[in-house]
């Protein structure tokens, strides 16, 4: 959506020496995947709207460690799927 944003985010985080203090999350999963291609070290997360367990393989693929999900979808069954 914003050309060059992923590189700019990586550059700012590294220049500020904040790699261990931040993680980048987004609704734009394509953007997060591009950021992973550019920077293998920056912690990533995905924002999901709804119950989407089929995105877990994608999270694994891009090594995303954080998941932001709407509270109403965070059921006990969904939590077990996440594990």
Protein backbone atom coordinates (compact mmCIF):
# COMPACT_ATOMS: atom_id res chain seq x y z
CA UNK A 1 0.00 0.00 0.00
CA UNK A 2 2.86 2.37 0.87
CA UNK A 3 5.92 1.63 -1.29
CA UNK A 4 9.10 1.38 0.75
CA UNK A 5 7.33 1.35 4.11
CA UNK A 6 8.72 -2.02 5.16
CA UNK A 7 12.33 -0.97 4.51
CA UNK A 8 11.75 2.32 6.30
CA UNK A 9 10.35 0.53 9.36
CA UNK A 10 13.31 -1.84 9.47
CA UNK A 11 15.76 1.04 9.09
CA UNK A 12 14.16 3.14 11.85
CA UNK A 13 13.98 0.23 14.30
CA UNK A 14 17.63 -0.67 13.70
CA UNK A 15 18.89 2.94 13.70
CA UNK A 16 17.14 3.54 17.03
CA UNK A 17 18.65 0.35 18.46
CA UNK A 18 15.17 -0.88 19.35
CA UNK A 19 15.24 -4.37 17.84
CA UNK A 20 14.82 -5.97 21.27
CA UNK A 21 12.11 -3.52 22.41
CA UNK A 22 9.60 -3.54 19.55
CA UNK A 23 7.57 -5.86 17.42
CA UNK A 24 5.81 -4.92 14.21
CA UNK A 25 2.19 -5.91 13.72
CA UNK A 26 -0.16 -5.20 10.85
CA UNK A 27 -3.51 -5.99 9.29
CA UNK A 28 -1.63 -6.07 5.96
CA UNK A 29 -0.24 -9.59 5.88
CA UNK A 30 1.48 -8.98 2.54
CA UNK A 31 3.38 -6.07 4.08
CA UNK A 32 4.45 -8.19 7.06
CA UNK A 33 5.68 -10.89 4.66
CA UNK A 34 7.71 -8.26 2.74
CA UNK A 35 9.19 -6.99 5.99
CA UNK A 36 10.25 -10.54 6.88
CA UNK A 37 12.00 -10.85 3.50
CA UNK A 38 13.92 -7.65 4.24
CA UNK A 39 14.69 -8.29 7.89
CA UNK A 40 14.92 -11.76 9.41
CA UNK A 41 15.50 -10.43 12.94
CA UNK A 42 12.65 -8.03 13.60
CA UNK A 43 9.83 -9.55 15.69
CA UNK A 44 6.56 -9.71 13.75
CA UNK A 45 2.90 -10.17 14.50
CA UNK A 46 -0.34 -10.35 12.60
CA UNK A 47 -3.69 -8.76 13.32
CA UNK A 48 -6.67 -10.99 12.58
CA UNK A 49 -10.25 -9.92 12.35
CA UNK A 50 -12.22 -12.98 13.20
CA UNK A 51 -11.44 -16.59 13.81
CA UNK A 52 -8.90 -17.56 11.16
CA UNK A 53 -6.94 -20.65 12.22
CA UNK A 54 -5.89 -21.20 8.60
CA UNK A 55 -3.45 -18.30 9.03
CA UNK A 56 -1.33 -20.21 11.54
CA UNK A 57 0.73 -21.93 8.81
CA UNK A 58 1.38 -18.46 7.32
CA UNK A 59 2.55 -17.21 10.70
CA UNK A 60 4.96 -20.12 10.88
CA UNK A 61 6.18 -19.48 7.34
CA UNK A 62 7.15 -15.87 8.10
CA UNK A 63 8.24 -16.62 11.67
CA UNK A 64 5.65 -14.29 13.21
CA UNK A 65 5.45 -14.72 16.97
CA UNK A 66 2.64 -12.34 17.91
CA UNK A 67 -1.06 -12.64 17.21
CA UNK A 68 -3.63 -9.90 17.76
CA UNK A 69 -7.18 -11.15 17.63
CA UNK A 70 -10.52 -9.68 18.60
CA UNK A 71 -11.35 -10.74 22.15
CA UNK A 72 -14.77 -12.10 21.23
CA UNK A 73 -13.08 -14.70 18.98
CA UNK A 74 -10.63 -15.84 21.66
CA UNK A 75 -12.50 -18.88 22.88
CA UNK A 76 -10.99 -21.82 24.74
CA UNK A 77 -11.18 -23.90 21.55
CA UNK A 78 -9.43 -21.18 19.53
CA UNK A 79 -6.71 -20.85 22.17
CA UNK A 80 -6.04 -24.60 21.94
CA UNK A 81 -5.70 -24.26 18.16
CA UNK A 82 -3.12 -21.51 18.64
CA UNK A 83 -0.96 -23.69 20.89
